[in-house]
Protein backbone atom coordinates (compact mmCIF):
# COMPACT_ATOMS: atom_id res chain seq x y z
CA MET A 1 13.88 -0.57 66.53
CA ALA A 2 15.40 -3.88 67.53
CA ALA A 3 19.09 -4.46 68.16
CA PRO A 4 21.19 -5.63 65.68
CA GLY A 5 22.47 -9.40 65.97
CA PHE A 6 21.24 -13.01 65.58
CA ALA A 7 17.79 -13.89 67.15
CA GLY A 8 17.53 -16.22 69.67
CA PRO A 9 16.01 -19.99 69.51
CA PRO A 10 12.43 -19.99 70.17
CA PRO A 11 11.49 -20.88 73.57
CA VAL A 12 10.76 -24.64 74.42
CA THR A 13 7.24 -25.26 74.74
CA LEU A 14 5.34 -28.73 74.33
CA ALA A 15 4.04 -27.47 71.15
CA ASN A 16 7.40 -27.22 69.49
CA LEU A 17 8.18 -31.00 70.49
CA ALA A 18 6.90 -33.94 68.68
CA HIS A 19 4.56 -36.03 71.34
CA LEU A 20 1.51 -37.79 71.46
CA THR A 21 -1.52 -35.72 72.85
CA PRO A 22 -3.15 -37.38 76.07
CA ARG A 23 -6.73 -37.25 76.15
CA PRO A 24 -9.38 -38.11 78.55
CA VAL A 25 -11.08 -41.12 76.39
CA GLN A 26 -9.66 -43.75 74.25
CA GLY A 27 -10.23 -43.01 70.68
CA LEU A 28 -8.26 -41.56 67.30
CA PHE A 29 -7.16 -38.28 67.28
CA GLY A 30 -5.16 -36.98 64.09
CA ASP A 31 -2.24 -36.20 66.32
CA ASN A 32 -2.02 -39.51 67.94
CA TYR A 33 0.52 -40.94 65.63
CA LEU A 34 3.99 -40.93 64.57
CA SER A 35 4.07 -41.02 61.00
CA LEU A 36 7.14 -41.42 58.74
CA ALA A 37 5.58 -38.97 56.35
CA ASP A 38 5.50 -36.50 58.75
CA MET A 39 8.77 -37.04 60.58
CA THR A 40 10.75 -33.72 60.65
CA TRP A 41 13.85 -35.55 61.89
CA THR A 42 13.72 -33.74 65.55
CA GLN A 43 13.16 -36.52 67.53
CA GLN A 44 15.61 -38.88 68.70
CA PHE A 45 13.51 -42.00 68.36
CA LEU A 46 13.88 -44.29 64.85
CA PRO A 47 10.78 -45.70 63.73
CA GLU A 48 10.52 -49.53 62.48
CA VAL A 49 11.18 -49.54 59.29
CA TYR A 50 10.79 -52.25 56.55
CA GLU A 51 13.89 -51.84 54.57
CA LYS A 52 13.00 -54.17 51.89
CA GLU A 53 10.27 -52.96 48.85
CA VAL A 54 7.23 -54.83 48.67
CA GLU A 55 6.89 -56.64 45.54
CA ARG A 56 3.62 -56.51 45.21
CA TYR A 57 3.10 -57.08 41.67
CA GLY A 58 5.67 -60.32 42.09
CA ASN A 59 7.34 -61.16 38.59
CA ARG A 60 6.71 -58.36 36.32
CA THR A 61 8.70 -59.21 33.08
CA ILE A 62 6.63 -60.99 30.18
CA THR A 63 9.66 -62.45 28.46
CA GLY A 64 8.37 -66.17 27.13
CA PHE A 65 9.45 -68.95 25.82
CA LEU A 66 11.22 -67.96 22.76
CA ARG A 67 14.40 -66.74 24.42
CA MET A 68 14.31 -69.54 26.86
CA VAL A 69 14.68 -72.08 23.99
CA GLY A 70 17.17 -69.94 22.02
CA ALA A 71 15.09 -69.71 18.60
CA GLU A 72 17.42 -66.37 17.96
CA MET A 73 19.81 -66.26 15.01
CA PRO A 74 21.79 -63.47 13.76
CA MET A 75 21.20 -61.70 10.16
CA ALA A 76 23.65 -59.29 8.08
CA SER A 77 21.08 -57.48 5.98
CA ASP A 78 17.84 -54.93 5.81
CA GLN A 79 15.50 -57.94 5.12
CA VAL A 80 15.31 -61.68 5.66
CA VAL A 81 13.45 -63.75 2.57
CA TRP A 82 12.73 -67.27 2.53
CA SER A 83 10.10 -69.20 0.37
CA GLU A 84 7.84 -71.95 1.37
CA GLN A 85 7.13 -75.29 -0.79
CA GLY A 86 3.78 -75.22 -2.57
CA ARG A 87 0.91 -78.11 -2.13
CA LEU A 88 2.38 -81.39 -3.63
CA HIS A 89 -0.90 -82.29 -5.18
CA ILE A 90 -3.56 -80.65 -7.80
CA ALA A 91 -6.83 -79.34 -6.27
CA TYR A 92 -9.22 -76.82 -6.67
CA ASP A 93 -12.42 -75.77 -4.76
CA THR A 94 -13.58 -72.82 -7.60
CA VAL A 95 -14.83 -75.15 -10.30
CA THR A 96 -17.83 -74.63 -12.24
CA SER A 97 -19.63 -76.42 -15.18
CA ASN A 98 -22.00 -76.54 -17.91
CA ALA A 99 -25.42 -77.86 -18.32
CA PRO A 100 -25.14 -80.27 -21.41
CA GLY A 101 -28.41 -80.51 -22.15
CA ALA A 102 -30.24 -83.75 -23.52
CA GLY A 103 -28.09 -86.61 -25.02
CA PRO A 104 -24.92 -87.93 -23.67
CA GLY A 105 -21.41 -86.22 -23.36
CA GLY A 106 -20.67 -82.55 -24.00
CA GLN A 107 -19.92 -82.12 -20.28
CA THR A 108 -17.53 -79.34 -19.69
CA ILE A 109 -15.79 -77.87 -16.63
CA SER A 110 -13.83 -74.48 -16.05
CA LEU A 111 -11.31 -73.47 -13.23
CA PRO A 112 -8.87 -70.77 -12.66
CA SER A 113 -5.63 -71.52 -14.76
CA PRO A 114 -2.49 -70.39 -14.70
CA GLY A 115 -2.44 -70.67 -18.38
CA ALA A 116 -3.86 -67.14 -18.17
CA ASP A 117 -0.09 -65.74 -17.52
CA GLY A 118 1.52 -68.08 -20.49
CA ASN A 119 2.16 -71.07 -18.25
CA VAL A 120 0.75 -74.56 -18.99
CA PRO A 121 -2.39 -75.69 -17.07
CA LEU A 122 -2.05 -77.82 -14.49
CA LEU A 123 -4.88 -80.10 -15.31
CA GLY A 124 -4.19 -82.17 -18.92
CA PRO A 125 -5.73 -84.97 -20.99
CA GLY A 126 -5.57 -88.21 -19.52
CA MET A 127 -5.51 -87.23 -15.79
CA THR A 128 -8.47 -88.49 -13.51
CA CYS A 129 -10.36 -86.36 -10.98
CA VAL A 130 -13.05 -86.71 -8.57
CA ILE A 131 -15.12 -83.67 -8.47
CA ALA A 132 -18.01 -83.22 -5.61
CA LEU A 133 -20.42 -80.73 -4.26
CA GLY A 134 -20.93 -81.64 -0.65
CA ASN A 135 -21.48 -85.06 -0.47
CA ASP A 136 -22.51 -85.80 -4.26
CA THR A 137 -19.44 -86.78 -6.59
CA ASN A 138 -18.39 -87.95 -9.54
CA ASN A 139 -15.22 -89.35 -11.16
CA ILE A 140 -14.05 -88.04 -14.37
CA TYR A 141 -11.60 -88.21 -16.97
CA ILE A 142 -9.75 -85.15 -18.60
CA ASN A 143 -10.69 -85.95 -22.14
CA SER A 144 -8.97 -82.17 -23.63
CA LEU A 145 -8.60 -78.56 -23.71
CA ALA A 146 -11.74 -76.90 -25.26
CA GLY A 147 -10.01 -73.80 -26.75
CA PRO A 148 -7.40 -71.46 -25.16
CA VAL A 149 -7.57 -69.52 -21.89
CA ALA A 150 -10.46 -66.69 -21.75
CA GLY A 151 -10.58 -64.54 -18.95
CA GLY A 152 -8.59 -66.35 -16.65
CA LEU A 153 -10.39 -69.68 -16.87
CA GLN A 154 -9.47 -72.75 -18.95
CA THR A 155 -12.30 -74.93 -19.96
CA TYR A 156 -11.97 -78.58 -20.21
CA ASN A 157 -13.75 -81.40 -22.07
CA ILE A 158 -14.48 -84.30 -19.60
CA ASP A 159 -16.03 -88.01 -19.59
CA VAL A 160 -17.74 -89.15 -16.50
CA TYR A 161 -17.25 -92.67 -15.18
CA ASP A 162 -20.13 -93.26 -12.98
CA ASP A 163 -23.05 -92.02 -15.35
CA ALA A 164 -24.16 -93.72 -18.37
CA ASN A 165 -25.05 -90.59 -20.34
CA ASN A 166 -21.37 -89.47 -19.66
CA VAL A 167 -22.74 -86.47 -17.71
CA LEU A 168 -22.31 -85.33 -14.06
CA ASP A 169 -25.08 -85.59 -11.80
CA VAL A 170 -27.65 -82.90 -11.96
CA ALA A 171 -26.46 -81.65 -8.78
CA LEU A 172 -23.27 -81.08 -10.27
CA GLN A 173 -24.56 -79.21 -13.19
CA GLY A 174 -24.58 -75.69 -14.41
CA ALA A 175 -26.73 -73.24 -12.27
CA ALA A 176 -28.27 -76.18 -10.66
CA ALA A 177 -24.84 -76.95 -8.25
CA GLY A 178 -25.95 -73.75 -6.76
CA GLY A 179 -22.51 -73.13 -5.95
CA GLU A 180 -18.58 -73.62 -7.04
CA LEU A 181 -17.53 -77.34 -7.16
CA SER A 182 -14.34 -79.26 -5.38
CA LEU A 183 -11.69 -80.92 -7.42
CA PHE A 184 -8.76 -83.13 -7.13
CA VAL A 185 -6.62 -85.43 -8.94
CA PHE A 186 -6.01 -88.70 -8.22
CA GLY A 187 -4.09 -90.32 -10.98
CA SER A 188 -4.37 -90.87 -14.90
CA GLU A 189 -5.79 -93.45 -17.29
CA TYR A 190 -3.85 -94.35 -20.93
CA LYS A 191 -4.49 -96.56 -23.50
CA LYS A 192 -1.91 -99.26 -24.57
CA GLY A 193 0.74 -98.14 -26.30
CA SER A 194 0.24 -94.59 -26.22
CA PRO A 195 3.03 -92.78 -27.14
CA GLU A 196 3.10 -89.73 -24.47
CA GLY A 197 1.47 -89.06 -21.38
CA GLY A 198 1.42 -86.86 -18.30
CA ASN A 199 1.57 -83.38 -17.71
CA SER A 200 4.45 -81.72 -16.73
CA ILE A 201 4.28 -79.12 -13.82
CA ASP A 202 6.64 -76.92 -12.45
CA ALA A 203 6.98 -76.90 -8.64
CA SER A 204 5.61 -73.80 -6.99
CA PHE A 205 6.43 -71.81 -4.03
CA THR A 206 5.55 -68.84 -1.87
CA PRO A 207 7.98 -66.46 -1.30
CA TYR A 208 8.04 -63.97 1.86
CA SER A 209 10.35 -61.58 3.76
CA ASN A 210 10.22 -59.04 6.74
CA GLN A 211 12.69 -56.44 7.71
CA PRO A 212 13.94 -55.62 10.91
CA ILE A 213 13.15 -52.56 13.06
CA ILE A 214 15.35 -50.77 15.66
CA ILE A 215 14.13 -50.63 19.26
CA ARG A 216 15.78 -48.03 21.48
CA ASP A 217 15.26 -46.61 24.77
CA LYS A 218 17.71 -44.90 27.70
CA TYR A 219 17.87 -44.55 31.48
CA GLU A 220 18.92 -40.68 32.67
CA VAL A 221 20.14 -39.98 36.25
CA ASN A 222 22.16 -36.67 37.52
CA GLY A 223 25.52 -37.16 39.09
CA SER A 224 24.26 -36.05 42.35
CA ASP A 225 21.63 -39.33 42.70
CA VAL A 226 23.91 -41.57 41.76
CA ALA A 227 25.79 -41.16 45.05
CA GLN A 228 23.21 -40.46 47.32
CA ILE A 229 21.96 -43.54 49.35
CA GLY A 230 18.56 -44.48 49.99
CA TRP A 231 16.97 -45.97 52.83
CA VAL A 232 14.76 -48.57 50.90
CA GLU A 233 16.59 -51.62 50.01
CA VAL A 234 15.61 -52.66 46.52
CA THR A 235 15.36 -55.92 44.54
CA THR A 236 14.38 -56.30 40.63
CA GLU A 237 13.46 -59.33 38.76
CA ILE A 238 17.12 -60.02 37.49
CA GLY A 239 18.28 -59.96 41.08
CA THR A 240 20.11 -56.60 41.54
CA GLY A 241 19.90 -55.17 44.96
CA GLY A 242 20.83 -52.34 47.45
CA TYR A 243 20.07 -49.08 48.71
CA LEU A 244 21.32 -47.10 45.47
CA TRP A 245 17.41 -46.06 44.34
CA TYR A 246 19.08 -45.21 40.57
CA LEU A 247 20.30 -48.75 40.50
CA LYS A 248 16.33 -49.82 40.69
CA SER A 249 15.33 -47.34 38.04
CA GLU A 250 18.37 -48.58 35.51
CA HIS A 251 17.64 -52.14 36.02
CA GLU A 252 13.70 -51.44 35.46
CA SER A 253 14.64 -49.63 32.37
CA ARG A 254 16.62 -52.76 31.02
CA ILE A 255 14.27 -55.27 31.74
CA ARG A 256 11.05 -53.39 30.37
CA PHE A 257 13.13 -52.93 27.12
CA GLU A 258 13.71 -56.86 27.27
CA ASP A 259 10.06 -56.92 27.23
CA TYR A 260 9.65 -54.46 24.21
CA LEU A 261 11.89 -56.56 22.22
CA GLU A 262 9.64 -59.64 22.66
CA MET A 263 6.28 -57.38 22.65
CA SER A 264 7.50 -56.04 19.56
CA MET A 265 7.87 -59.69 17.77
CA VAL A 266 4.38 -60.24 18.65
CA GLU A 267 2.74 -57.04 17.90
CA SER A 268 4.23 -54.79 15.36
CA LYS A 269 2.81 -54.52 11.70
CA ASN A 270 3.96 -53.37 8.43
CA VAL A 271 3.12 -49.76 7.48
CA GLU A 272 0.78 -49.71 5.25
CA GLN A 273 0.94 -48.44 1.27
CA VAL A 274 0.05 -44.79 1.03
CA VAL A 275 1.96 -44.30 -2.36
CA ALA A 276 2.62 -47.27 -4.78
CA GLY A 277 6.07 -48.64 -4.10
CA VAL A 278 6.48 -45.92 -1.27
CA PRO A 279 5.76 -47.81 1.90
CA GLY A 280 6.41 -46.10 5.14
CA PHE A 281 5.86 -43.12 6.99
CA THR A 282 8.16 -40.11 7.96
CA GLY A 283 9.44 -40.77 11.57
CA PHE A 284 9.58 -38.19 14.54
CA GLN A 285 13.38 -37.73 13.45
CA GLY A 286 12.89 -38.04 9.59
CA GLY A 287 13.52 -41.26 7.94
CA ASN A 288 11.34 -43.43 6.64
CA LEU A 289 9.72 -46.26 8.93
CA GLN A 290 8.23 -49.39 7.53
CA GLY A 291 7.14 -51.31 10.56
CA MET A 292 7.53 -55.15 10.33
CA GLN A 293 5.33 -57.98 10.30
CA GLY A 294 4.93 -59.44 13.81
CA LEU A 295 3.28 -62.78 15.00
CA PHE A 296 -0.13 -61.54 15.28
CA ALA A 297 -0.48 -59.61 11.90
CA THR A 298 1.04 -62.52 10.33
CA LEU A 299 -1.24 -64.94 11.89
CA GLU A 300 -4.27 -62.71 10.66
CA GLU A 301 -2.92 -62.86 7.35
CA ARG A 302 -1.86 -66.58 6.65
CA GLY A 303 -2.65 -68.29 9.83
CA LEU A 304 -5.46 -70.14 11.11
CA VAL A 305 -7.97 -68.22 13.40
CA PHE A 306 -10.15 -69.51 15.92
CA ASN A 307 -12.76 -67.05 17.20
CA ASP A 308 -14.46 -67.50 20.41
CA PRO A 309 -13.05 -70.80 21.93
CA ALA A 310 -15.51 -72.16 24.58
CA PHE A 311 -13.70 -75.57 25.50
CA ALA A 312 -15.54 -75.62 29.12
CA ASN A 313 -18.73 -76.20 27.47
CA ASP A 314 -19.95 -79.91 28.50
CA ALA A 315 -20.81 -82.49 26.62
CA LEU A 316 -24.56 -81.66 26.76
CA ALA A 317 -23.83 -77.86 25.33
CA ALA A 318 -24.91 -77.62 21.83
CA ASP A 319 -21.25 -76.93 20.99
CA PRO A 320 -19.11 -79.27 23.30
CA GLY A 321 -15.46 -77.99 24.12
CA ILE A 322 -14.01 -81.66 22.85
CA ASN A 323 -16.02 -80.88 19.43
CA GLN A 324 -14.12 -77.24 19.11
CA PHE A 325 -10.78 -78.61 19.76
CA ASP A 326 -11.16 -81.73 17.35
CA THR A 327 -12.66 -79.00 14.88
CA ILE A 328 -8.75 -77.43 15.40
CA LEU A 329 -7.59 -80.89 14.93
CA GLN A 330 -9.38 -81.35 11.54
CA GLU A 331 -7.78 -78.24 10.58
CA LEU A 332 -4.17 -79.20 11.55
CA ASP A 333 -4.94 -82.53 9.45
CA LYS A 334 -5.14 -80.38 6.19
CA GLN A 335 -2.14 -78.21 7.02
CA GLY A 336 1.11 -79.74 7.90
CA ALA A 337 0.10 -81.67 10.51
CA ILE A 338 2.72 -80.94 12.44
CA GLU A 339 2.37 -84.00 15.67
CA GLU A 340 4.04 -81.53 18.57
CA ASN A 341 2.53 -78.16 19.45
CA MET A 342 2.68 -75.52 22.20
CA LEU A 343 -0.50 -73.61 23.57
CA PHE A 344 0.49 -70.23 24.77
CA LEU A 345 -2.79 -69.13 26.36
CA ASP A 346 -4.50 -66.61 28.73
CA ARG A 347 -5.71 -68.15 32.02
CA GLN A 348 -9.17 -68.08 31.11
CA THR A 349 -8.53 -70.16 28.04
CA SER A 350 -6.13 -72.54 30.16
CA LEU A 351 -8.71 -73.25 32.58
CA ASP A 352 -11.29 -73.99 29.96
CA ILE A 353 -8.85 -76.76 28.33
CA ASP A 354 -8.44 -78.02 31.97
CA THR A 355 -12.21 -78.49 32.47
CA MET A 356 -12.31 -79.96 28.99
CA LEU A 357 -9.78 -82.56 30.02
CA ALA A 358 -11.26 -83.47 33.31
CA GLN A 359 -14.62 -84.28 31.34
CA GLN A 360 -12.97 -86.88 29.35
CA ASN A 361 -12.59 -90.41 31.04
CA SER A 362 -9.61 -91.42 29.24
CA TYR A 363 -7.49 -88.08 29.59
CA GLY A 364 -5.55 -86.38 32.07
CA ALA A 365 -3.73 -83.26 32.48
CA GLY A 366 -0.28 -85.09 33.00
CA GLY A 367 2.23 -84.90 30.27
CA THR A 368 3.14 -88.16 28.30
CA SER A 369 5.72 -86.95 25.89
CA TYR A 370 8.18 -84.03 25.74
CA GLY A 371 10.36 -84.12 22.32
CA VAL A 372 10.45 -80.75 21.95
CA PHE A 373 12.43 -80.37 25.34
CA ASP A 374 14.72 -83.00 24.38
CA ASN A 375 12.23 -85.39 26.00
CA SER A 376 12.96 -83.98 29.54
CA GLU A 377 10.33 -84.03 31.73
CA ASP A 378 11.86 -81.70 34.14
CA MET A 379 12.78 -79.11 31.61
CA ALA A 380 9.11 -78.92 30.57
CA LEU A 381 7.43 -78.59 34.07
CA ASN A 382 10.28 -75.76 34.65
CA LEU A 383 9.20 -73.86 31.71
CA GLY A 384 5.45 -74.08 33.04
CA PHE A 385 4.45 -76.64 30.42
CA SER A 386 1.96 -79.59 31.02
CA GLY A 387 1.10 -81.86 28.03
CA PHE A 388 -1.78 -84.02 26.66
CA ARG A 389 -2.39 -86.03 23.64
CA ARG A 390 -5.77 -85.82 21.76
CA GLY A 391 -5.83 -87.86 18.19
CA ALA A 392 -2.09 -87.80 16.26
CA TYR A 393 -1.12 -84.71 18.31
CA ASP A 394 0.72 -83.66 21.49
CA PHE A 395 0.01 -80.35 23.18
CA TYR A 396 1.99 -78.71 25.69
CA LYS A 397 -0.27 -76.16 27.70
CA THR A 398 1.45 -72.88 29.31
CA ASP A 399 -0.17 -69.79 30.68
CA TRP A 400 1.26 -66.67 28.23
CA LYS A 401 1.89 -63.92 31.02
CA TYR A 402 1.32 -61.36 28.10
CA LEU A 403 -2.10 -62.20 27.73
CA ASN A 404 -2.92 -61.80 31.58
CA ASP A 405 -0.85 -58.93 32.57
CA SER A 406 -3.10 -56.11 33.02
CA THR A 407 -0.82 -53.79 31.39
CA THR A 408 -0.27 -55.53 28.40
CA ARG A 409 -2.49 -57.92 26.13
CA GLY A 410 -4.49 -58.51 29.42
CA LEU A 411 -5.98 -54.91 29.28
CA ILE A 412 -7.33 -55.53 25.87
CA ASP A 413 -8.62 -59.25 26.16
CA ASP A 414 -8.99 -59.89 22.76
CA ILE A 415 -6.50 -62.48 22.38
CA LYS A 416 -6.73 -65.47 23.95
CA GLY A 417 -3.78 -67.43 23.08
CA VAL A 418 -1.70 -69.12 20.40
CA LEU A 419 -1.05 -72.53 19.21
CA VAL A 420 2.66 -72.52 18.01
CA PRO A 421 3.98 -76.05 16.27
CA ALA A 422 7.27 -77.29 17.46
CA GLY A 423 9.90 -78.57 15.72
CA THR A 424 11.61 -77.03 12.45
CA SER A 425 10.99 -76.20 9.02
CA THR A 426 13.29 -76.44 5.75
CA VAL A 427 13.08 -73.56 3.59
CA TYR A 428 15.29 -72.01 0.80
CA ASP A 429 16.89 -68.89 2.42
CA GLN A 430 17.44 -66.62 -0.33
CA GLN A 431 20.83 -64.74 1.49
CA LEU A 432 22.69 -67.75 1.76
CA GLY A 433 21.52 -69.52 -1.46
CA GLN A 434 20.54 -72.94 -0.10
CA ASN A 435 18.22 -75.06 2.10
CA ILE A 436 18.23 -74.50 6.04
CA SER A 437 16.49 -75.81 8.71
CA ARG A 438 14.74 -73.09 11.49
CA PRO A 439 12.27 -73.34 14.16
CA PHE A 440 8.83 -72.71 12.61
CA LEU A 441 8.92 -69.06 14.91
CA HIS A 442 12.51 -67.49 15.56
CA ILE A 443 13.69 -64.07 15.59
CA ARG A 444 16.82 -62.92 13.30
CA TYR A 445 18.88 -60.10 14.74
CA ARG A 446 21.28 -57.60 13.34
CA ALA A 447 25.27 -58.79 13.43
CA SER A 448 28.33 -59.11 11.98
CA GLU A 449 31.73 -59.21 12.91
CA ALA A 450 32.21 -55.54 13.36
CA ASP A 451 28.64 -55.11 15.55
CA ASP A 452 26.38 -57.28 17.20
CA ARG A 453 22.61 -55.51 17.42
CA ARG A 454 20.68 -57.97 19.27
CA LEU A 455 20.82 -56.42 22.61
CA LYS A 456 23.27 -53.46 22.86
CA SER A 457 23.60 -51.09 26.11
CA TRP A 458 26.46 -48.22 26.43
CA VAL A 459 26.69 -45.33 29.03
CA THR A 460 27.46 -41.66 28.27
CA GLY A 461 27.99 -38.97 30.26
CA SER A 462 30.22 -37.87 33.25
CA VAL A 463 29.60 -40.83 35.83
CA GLY A 464 31.33 -43.75 36.70
CA GLY A 465 34.85 -42.73 35.26
CA ASN A 466 33.46 -42.78 31.67
CA TYR A 467 33.74 -39.50 30.73
CA THR A 468 32.23 -38.66 27.24
CA SER A 469 30.53 -35.38 27.90
CA ASP A 470 30.36 -32.57 30.11
CA ALA A 471 27.16 -33.10 31.27
CA ASP A 472 26.55 -34.21 34.94
CA THR A 473 24.69 -36.85 34.19
CA MET A 474 24.95 -40.68 33.43
CA THR A 475 23.01 -41.87 30.26
CA VAL A 476 22.24 -45.55 29.66
CA ASN A 477 21.52 -46.44 26.47
CA PHE A 478 19.83 -49.89 25.24
CA LEU A 479 19.19 -50.61 21.50
CA SER A 480 18.44 -53.93 19.29
CA GLU A 481 17.92 -54.05 15.73
CA ARG A 482 15.70 -57.35 14.99
CA THR A 483 12.63 -58.78 12.97
CA MET A 484 10.18 -61.77 13.62
CA CYS A 485 10.12 -65.01 11.12
CA THR A 486 6.92 -66.86 10.98
CA GLN A 487 7.46 -69.72 8.75
CA ALA A 488 4.71 -72.25 8.20
CA ALA A 489 2.33 -69.85 9.46
CA ASN A 490 -0.74 -72.41 8.10
CA ASN A 491 0.50 -74.75 10.85
CA PHE A 492 -0.06 -72.27 13.63
CA VAL A 493 -3.67 -71.32 15.32
CA LEU A 494 -4.62 -67.60 16.90
CA PHE A 495 -7.27 -67.84 19.31
CA LYS A 496 -9.55 -64.68 19.47
CA ALA A 497 -12.61 -62.94 21.05
CA THR A 498 -14.95 -61.67 18.63
């Protein structure tokens, strides 16, 4: 039986010392290294330590242009509602006609009419119109209404200016047309001394709305780790540095949350109604969640979508890149024709446009106009924009990191870019009860004199002198309540891969 007492120290041998094992030949062996991971802190030698953390992914934030230009404004309601003006002129692309048979006259046309809802039909006697199918056109005169609205269609008796038999060209008549006709009103004609004329038309508008969502996150650390020093000197994208590791985690949580704020405005969708009049679903904490309509969902619904852009195709290709771009310009002409536009693109599409511009003799990649940046070239370049002009339009092009990052949309690679019109739109704000000017694309966040919920953060726990509980932790909470307003979406273009 061993005597009571403390055991003595182990004998000092070479096996107990950190050392390099000599070898008779020069070679690589597992015990010929001093590794920081293998250090037992039993040696007196300090390894060469790189205190700075290597930023191998560069700047990892993806927040973009919206915040930089300050396109954010407060709201004080559960919903933001606005109305957008309708078209000024009258046009239809769903017109049908009859086959009048032998003899002059007897020609009629039919088209959808708001008269089905008890309103006055948009076309009226005396109006002059152009009707067409493809390149075959006739000028017509609206003579009279051929009876009441039936099945949502209003039929009109018409006369044809450019046909001796007072009928439409055969290619525009009835089933022979092989498709629906297009029509627009260009004026009217009345006899001398006519007692009355014209067709009173109320201005049209379309209401839109969106609702804010509440976005939350947190970072939690125990009190002991707050007081523990580290050997790695950390820095973050927003400039925080030091040897306290929890500072890095806290600030990464903050900048990740700020990224979520922008990503939510881009990616969110409304919850589809399962039961009529009861939108949304129950969240994990209870309560009804409705979602919101983000940028991509809005453009899919009421914007312009351009599939499979290949702007790098050379002039000898079946579909040259410059021709594809001109197709976009032609569609913009049919919409609001906003002169200045910003292109937020993924890397490949941006390079394709650079290639397209390089193929043109009279175009370059240098900017010539910077109106949206207060005509400051320095401001445009600091934000990563370079410009070019095509037709009557100026374009400012920049890479959108969100579409390139392999942990965001770059992981999926189905969205290639977005064209965003610059400037402002005038809309009627239902809450304010007046016309307002707003950027086409902007964010509304919940705020009042009592609480500003644009970006809130607060600390709870027992660390740092703010004793709010008996838990030995520090919890940093983040919250924001906001929504996206995409106005005049018909002027936006979403570039997609199919």
